[in-house]
Amino acid sequence: MPTLKKTALVTNAENHVCLAAVRSLGKNKLDVTCYFL
């Protein structure tokens, strides 16, 4: 399975959502980067 890179634009209030997505997708070998507005 190839590694996919995703970018998530989030506000500080959505920080926990983005981090949860990173952990969830990480289990599927996805690399997620969160940028904070």
N, C-alpha and C. Protein backbone atom coordinates (compact mmCIF):
# COMPACT_ATOMS: atom_id res chain seq x y z
N MET A 1 0.85 -1.19 0.00
CA MET A 1 0.00 0.00 0.00
C MET A 1 0.89 1.24 0.00
N PRO A 2 0.72 2.13 -0.98
CA PRO A 2 1.53 3.34 -1.05
C PRO A 2 1.20 4.31 0.07
N THR A 3 2.19 5.10 0.43
CA THR A 3 1.97 6.10 1.47
C THR A 3 1.37 7.34 0.83
N LEU A 4 0.24 7.78 1.36
CA LEU A 4 -0.43 8.97 0.84
C LEU A 4 -0.20 10.13 1.78
N LYS A 5 -0.05 11.30 1.21
CA LYS A 5 0.16 12.48 2.05
C LYS A 5 -1.07 13.37 1.97
N LYS A 6 -1.56 13.76 3.12
CA LYS A 6 -2.73 14.63 3.18
C LYS A 6 -2.36 15.88 3.96
N THR A 7 -3.04 16.97 3.64
CA THR A 7 -2.82 18.21 4.38
C THR A 7 -4.14 18.66 4.96
N ALA A 8 -4.13 19.00 6.22
CA ALA A 8 -5.35 19.45 6.88
C ALA A 8 -5.15 20.87 7.40
N LEU A 9 -6.06 21.75 7.01
CA LEU A 9 -6.02 23.12 7.52
C LEU A 9 -7.01 23.20 8.67
N VAL A 10 -6.51 23.54 9.84
CA VAL A 10 -7.37 23.52 11.02
C VAL A 10 -7.17 24.76 11.88
N THR A 11 -8.19 25.07 12.65
CA THR A 11 -8.06 26.14 13.64
C THR A 11 -7.62 25.49 14.94
N ASN A 12 -7.23 26.28 15.91
CA ASN A 12 -6.80 25.71 17.19
C ASN A 12 -7.92 24.89 17.82
N ALA A 13 -9.17 25.30 17.62
CA ALA A 13 -10.30 24.58 18.19
C ALA A 13 -10.44 23.19 17.58
N GLU A 14 -9.93 23.04 16.35
CA GLU A 14 -10.05 21.75 15.67
C GLU A 14 -8.78 20.92 15.80
N ASN A 15 -7.85 21.41 16.61
CA ASN A 15 -6.57 20.74 16.77
C ASN A 15 -6.74 19.28 17.16
N HIS A 16 -7.61 19.01 18.16
CA HIS A 16 -7.79 17.64 18.63
C HIS A 16 -8.38 16.76 17.54
N VAL A 17 -9.20 17.34 16.66
CA VAL A 17 -9.80 16.57 15.57
C VAL A 17 -8.72 16.17 14.58
N CYS A 18 -7.86 17.12 14.27
CA CYS A 18 -6.79 16.85 13.31
C CYS A 18 -5.83 15.80 13.87
N LEU A 19 -5.47 15.93 15.13
CA LEU A 19 -4.55 14.97 15.73
C LEU A 19 -5.17 13.58 15.77
N ALA A 20 -6.48 13.52 16.00
CA ALA A 20 -7.16 12.23 16.01
C ALA A 20 -7.12 11.61 14.61
N ALA A 21 -7.26 12.46 13.60
CA ALA A 21 -7.21 11.98 12.22
C ALA A 21 -5.81 11.47 11.89
N VAL A 22 -4.80 12.16 12.39
CA VAL A 22 -3.41 11.73 12.17
C VAL A 22 -3.20 10.34 12.76
N ARG A 23 -3.68 10.14 13.98
CA ARG A 23 -3.50 8.82 14.62
C ARG A 23 -4.28 7.75 13.87
N SER A 24 -5.52 8.07 13.48
CA SER A 24 -6.36 7.09 12.79
C SER A 24 -5.77 6.72 11.44
N LEU A 25 -5.41 7.75 10.66
CA LEU A 25 -4.88 7.51 9.32
C LEU A 25 -3.49 6.90 9.39
N GLY A 26 -2.76 7.21 10.46
CA GLY A 26 -1.42 6.66 10.61
C GLY A 26 -1.46 5.14 10.65
N LYS A 27 -2.55 4.59 11.19
CA LYS A 27 -2.69 3.14 11.26
C LYS A 27 -2.82 2.55 9.86
N ASN A 28 -3.25 3.39 8.91
CA ASN A 28 -3.40 2.94 7.53
C ASN A 28 -2.23 3.42 6.68
N LYS A 29 -1.13 3.74 7.35
CA LYS A 29 0.09 4.18 6.67
C LYS A 29 -0.10 5.46 5.87
N LEU A 30 -0.95 6.34 6.36
CA LEU A 30 -1.13 7.64 5.72
C LEU A 30 -0.37 8.68 6.51
N ASP A 31 0.21 9.63 5.80
CA ASP A 31 0.98 10.68 6.47
C ASP A 31 0.18 11.97 6.39
N VAL A 32 -0.26 12.46 7.54
CA VAL A 32 -1.09 13.65 7.58
C VAL A 32 -0.33 14.79 8.23
N THR A 33 -0.36 15.94 7.61
CA THR A 33 0.27 17.13 8.17
C THR A 33 -0.80 18.15 8.49
N CYS A 34 -0.76 18.69 9.70
CA CYS A 34 -1.75 19.67 10.11
C CYS A 34 -1.11 21.06 10.15
N TYR A 35 -1.78 22.01 9.56
CA TYR A 35 -1.32 23.39 9.63
C TYR A 35 -2.32 24.18 10.45
N PHE A 36 -1.83 25.03 11.34
CA PHE A 36 -2.71 25.76 12.23
C PHE A 36 -2.88 27.19 11.76
N LEU A 37 -4.14 27.63 11.65
CA LEU A 37 -4.44 28.97 11.17
C LEU A 37 -4.30 29.98 12.30
